[in-house]
Amino acid sequence: MNPEILARLASLNIQLLSEGAEFCILARENCVAIVQVRPDAVAVGSSGVMTESGLSYLVWREGRPLLASHGGVETPAAPEQVEAVQQFSADLKQALP
């Protein structure tokens, strides 16, 4: 990831946790996103939060927000968790080309 993008992320308190050949992991507080890095673009995957069950994604079932982990565990998402994930996702879209 280039220094200009890293500076934009840092201005939004988003940290680069790990960077590989094609993917990187970005985080702010307990929000995490896996991002695909290509020579011509950066593509943001789903954002989620770290929970006791690992990385859990914000999903909606019957109009209710839930945090769903890969192990099939779903727990109700608190309003502040919903807001944090949505703001994190919006900030990522703003910072990444």
C-alpha atoms as a PDB file:
ATOM      1  CA  MET A   1       0.000   0.000   0.000  1.00  0.00           C
ATOM      2  CA  ASN A   2       1.477   3.325  -0.971  1.00  0.00           C
ATOM      3  CA  PRO A   3       2.458   6.074   1.530  1.00  0.00           C
ATOM      4  CA  GLU A   4      -0.306   8.448   0.357  1.00  0.00           C
ATOM      5  CA  ILE A   5      -3.021   5.894   1.134  1.00  0.00           C
ATOM      6  CA  LEU A   6      -1.402   5.005   4.453  1.00  0.00           C
ATOM      7  CA  ALA A   7      -1.378   8.702   5.406  1.00  0.00           C
ATOM      8  CA  ARG A   8      -5.104   9.034   4.577  1.00  0.00           C
ATOM      9  CA  LEU A   9      -5.852   5.954   6.651  1.00  0.00           C
ATOM     10  CA  ALA A  10      -3.755   7.235   9.554  1.00  0.00           C
ATOM     11  CA  SER A  11      -5.653  10.536   9.497  1.00  0.00           C
ATOM     12  CA  LEU A  12      -8.799   8.468  10.147  1.00  0.00           C
ATOM     13  CA  ASN A  13      -7.099   6.461  12.932  1.00  0.00           C
ATOM     14  CA  ILE A  14      -7.055   3.342  10.757  1.00  0.00           C
ATOM     15  CA  GLN A  15      -3.984   1.144  11.140  1.00  0.00           C
ATOM     16  CA  LEU A  16      -2.389  -1.321   8.781  1.00  0.00           C
ATOM     17  CA  LEU A  17      -2.098  -4.535  10.820  1.00  0.00           C
ATOM     18  CA  SER A  18      -0.764  -6.887   8.173  1.00  0.00           C
ATOM     19  CA  GLU A  19       0.178  -6.698   4.509  1.00  0.00           C
ATOM     20  CA  GLY A  20       0.683  -9.582   2.098  1.00  0.00           C
ATOM     21  CA  ALA A  21       1.168  -9.863  -1.653  1.00  0.00           C
ATOM     22  CA  GLU A  22      -2.524  -9.414  -2.470  1.00  0.00           C
ATOM     23  CA  PHE A  23      -4.334  -8.611   0.778  1.00  0.00           C
ATOM     24  CA  CYS A  24      -3.924  -6.450   3.843  1.00  0.00           C
ATOM     25  CA  ILE A  25      -5.745  -6.165   7.144  1.00  0.00           C
ATOM     26  CA  LEU A  26      -6.837  -2.758   8.383  1.00  0.00           C
ATOM     27  CA  ALA A  27      -8.263  -1.940  11.813  1.00  0.00           C
ATOM     28  CA  ARG A  28      -9.577   0.816  14.044  1.00  0.00           C
ATOM     29  CA  GLU A  29     -10.339  -0.061  17.652  1.00  0.00           C
ATOM     30  CA  ASN A  30     -12.141  -3.424  17.345  1.00  0.00           C
ATOM     31  CA  CYS A  31     -13.278  -2.962  13.712  1.00  0.00           C
ATOM     32  CA  VAL A  32     -11.378  -4.947  11.076  1.00  0.00           C
ATOM     33  CA  ALA A  33     -11.446  -5.188   7.272  1.00  0.00           C
ATOM     34  CA  ILE A  34      -9.662  -7.402   4.799  1.00  0.00           C
ATOM     35  CA  VAL A  35      -8.677  -5.394   1.727  1.00  0.00           C
ATOM     36  CA  GLN A  36      -7.515  -6.706  -1.632  1.00  0.00           C
ATOM     37  CA  VAL A  37      -4.595  -4.736  -3.033  1.00  0.00           C
ATOM     38  CA  ARG A  38      -4.046  -4.864  -6.795  1.00  0.00           C
ATOM     39  CA  PRO A  39      -1.623  -2.838  -8.897  1.00  0.00           C
ATOM     40  CA  ASP A  40      -4.484  -0.807 -10.371  1.00  0.00           C
ATOM     41  CA  ALA A  41      -6.929  -0.620  -7.422  1.00  0.00           C
ATOM     42  CA  VAL A  42      -7.781  -1.440  -3.847  1.00  0.00           C
ATOM     43  CA  ALA A  43     -11.000  -3.362  -3.093  1.00  0.00           C
ATOM     44  CA  VAL A  44     -12.522  -3.344   0.379  1.00  0.00           C
ATOM     45  CA  GLY A  45     -14.100  -6.591   1.499  1.00  0.00           C
ATOM     46  CA  SER A  46     -16.576  -6.892   4.328  1.00  0.00           C
ATOM     47  CA  SER A  47     -15.907  -5.056   7.553  1.00  0.00           C
ATOM     48  CA  GLY A  48     -16.497  -6.615  10.921  1.00  0.00           C
ATOM     49  CA  VAL A  49     -15.595  -6.548  14.576  1.00  0.00           C
ATOM     50  CA  MET A  50     -13.412  -8.775  16.686  1.00  0.00           C
ATOM     51  CA  THR A  51     -15.517 -10.772  19.144  1.00  0.00           C
ATOM     52  CA  GLU A  52     -14.993 -13.766  21.412  1.00  0.00           C
ATOM     53  CA  SER A  53     -15.833 -15.898  18.343  1.00  0.00           C
ATOM     54  CA  GLY A  54     -13.191 -14.186  16.186  1.00  0.00           C
ATOM     55  CA  LEU A  55     -13.932 -11.852  13.295  1.00  0.00           C
ATOM     56  CA  SER A  56     -17.693 -11.312  13.090  1.00  0.00           C
ATOM     57  CA  TYR A  57     -19.469  -9.573  10.244  1.00  0.00           C
ATOM     58  CA  LEU A  58     -22.463  -7.289  10.541  1.00  0.00           C
ATOM     59  CA  VAL A  59     -25.492  -8.950   8.944  1.00  0.00           C
ATOM     60  CA  TRP A  60     -29.189  -8.181   8.999  1.00  0.00           C
ATOM     61  CA  ARG A  61     -31.818 -10.862   9.645  1.00  0.00           C
ATOM     62  CA  GLU A  62     -35.489  -9.900   9.683  1.00  0.00           C
ATOM     63  CA  GLY A  63     -34.467  -6.270  10.118  1.00  0.00           C
ATOM     64  CA  ARG A  64     -32.259  -6.984  13.134  1.00  0.00           C
ATOM     65  CA  PRO A  65     -28.499  -6.407  13.147  1.00  0.00           C
ATOM     66  CA  LEU A  66     -26.407  -9.424  14.111  1.00  0.00           C
ATOM     67  CA  LEU A  67     -22.711 -10.184  14.337  1.00  0.00           C
ATOM     68  CA  ALA A  68     -22.017 -13.430  12.471  1.00  0.00           C
ATOM     69  CA  SER A  69     -18.759 -15.348  12.774  1.00  0.00           C
ATOM     70  CA  HIS A  70     -17.357 -18.052  10.496  1.00  0.00           C
ATOM     71  CA  GLY A  71     -18.268 -20.702  13.046  1.00  0.00           C
ATOM     72  CA  GLY A  72     -21.947 -19.950  12.516  1.00  0.00           C
ATOM     73  CA  VAL A  73     -22.284 -18.070  15.777  1.00  0.00           C
ATOM     74  CA  GLU A  74     -24.672 -15.111  15.556  1.00  0.00           C
ATOM     75  CA  THR A  75     -25.169 -12.616  18.366  1.00  0.00           C
ATOM     76  CA  PRO A  76     -27.249  -9.437  18.455  1.00  0.00           C
ATOM     77  CA  ALA A  77     -25.251  -6.351  17.506  1.00  0.00           C
ATOM     78  CA  ALA A  78     -25.470  -3.415  19.879  1.00  0.00           C
ATOM     79  CA  PRO A  79     -26.346  -0.048  18.336  1.00  0.00           C
ATOM     80  CA  GLU A  80     -22.813   1.241  19.027  1.00  0.00           C
ATOM     81  CA  GLN A  81     -21.325  -1.785  17.229  1.00  0.00           C
ATOM     82  CA  VAL A  82     -23.546  -1.166  14.195  1.00  0.00           C
ATOM     83  CA  GLU A  83     -22.536   2.498  14.158  1.00  0.00           C
ATOM     84  CA  ALA A  84     -18.829   1.680  14.559  1.00  0.00           C
ATOM     85  CA  VAL A  85     -18.805  -0.850  11.689  1.00  0.00           C
ATOM     86  CA  GLN A  86     -20.791   1.430   9.388  1.00  0.00           C
ATOM     87  CA  GLN A  87     -18.542   4.433  10.124  1.00  0.00           C
ATOM     88  CA  PHE A  88     -15.390   2.325   9.704  1.00  0.00           C
ATOM     89  CA  SER A  89     -16.655   1.059   6.327  1.00  0.00           C
ATOM     90  CA  ALA A  90     -17.529   4.581   5.198  1.00  0.00           C
ATOM     91  CA  ASP A  91     -14.116   5.888   6.261  1.00  0.00           C
ATOM     92  CA  LEU A  92     -12.368   3.078   4.377  1.00  0.00           C
ATOM     93  CA  LYS A  93     -14.297   3.913   1.202  1.00  0.00           C
ATOM     94  CA  GLN A  94     -13.319   7.569   1.628  1.00  0.00           C
ATOM     95  CA  ALA A  95      -9.632   6.826   2.174  1.00  0.00           C
ATOM     96  CA  LEU A  96      -9.087   4.146  -0.466  1.00  0.00           C
ATOM     97  CA  PRO A  97      -9.096   4.885  -4.199  1.00  0.00           C
END
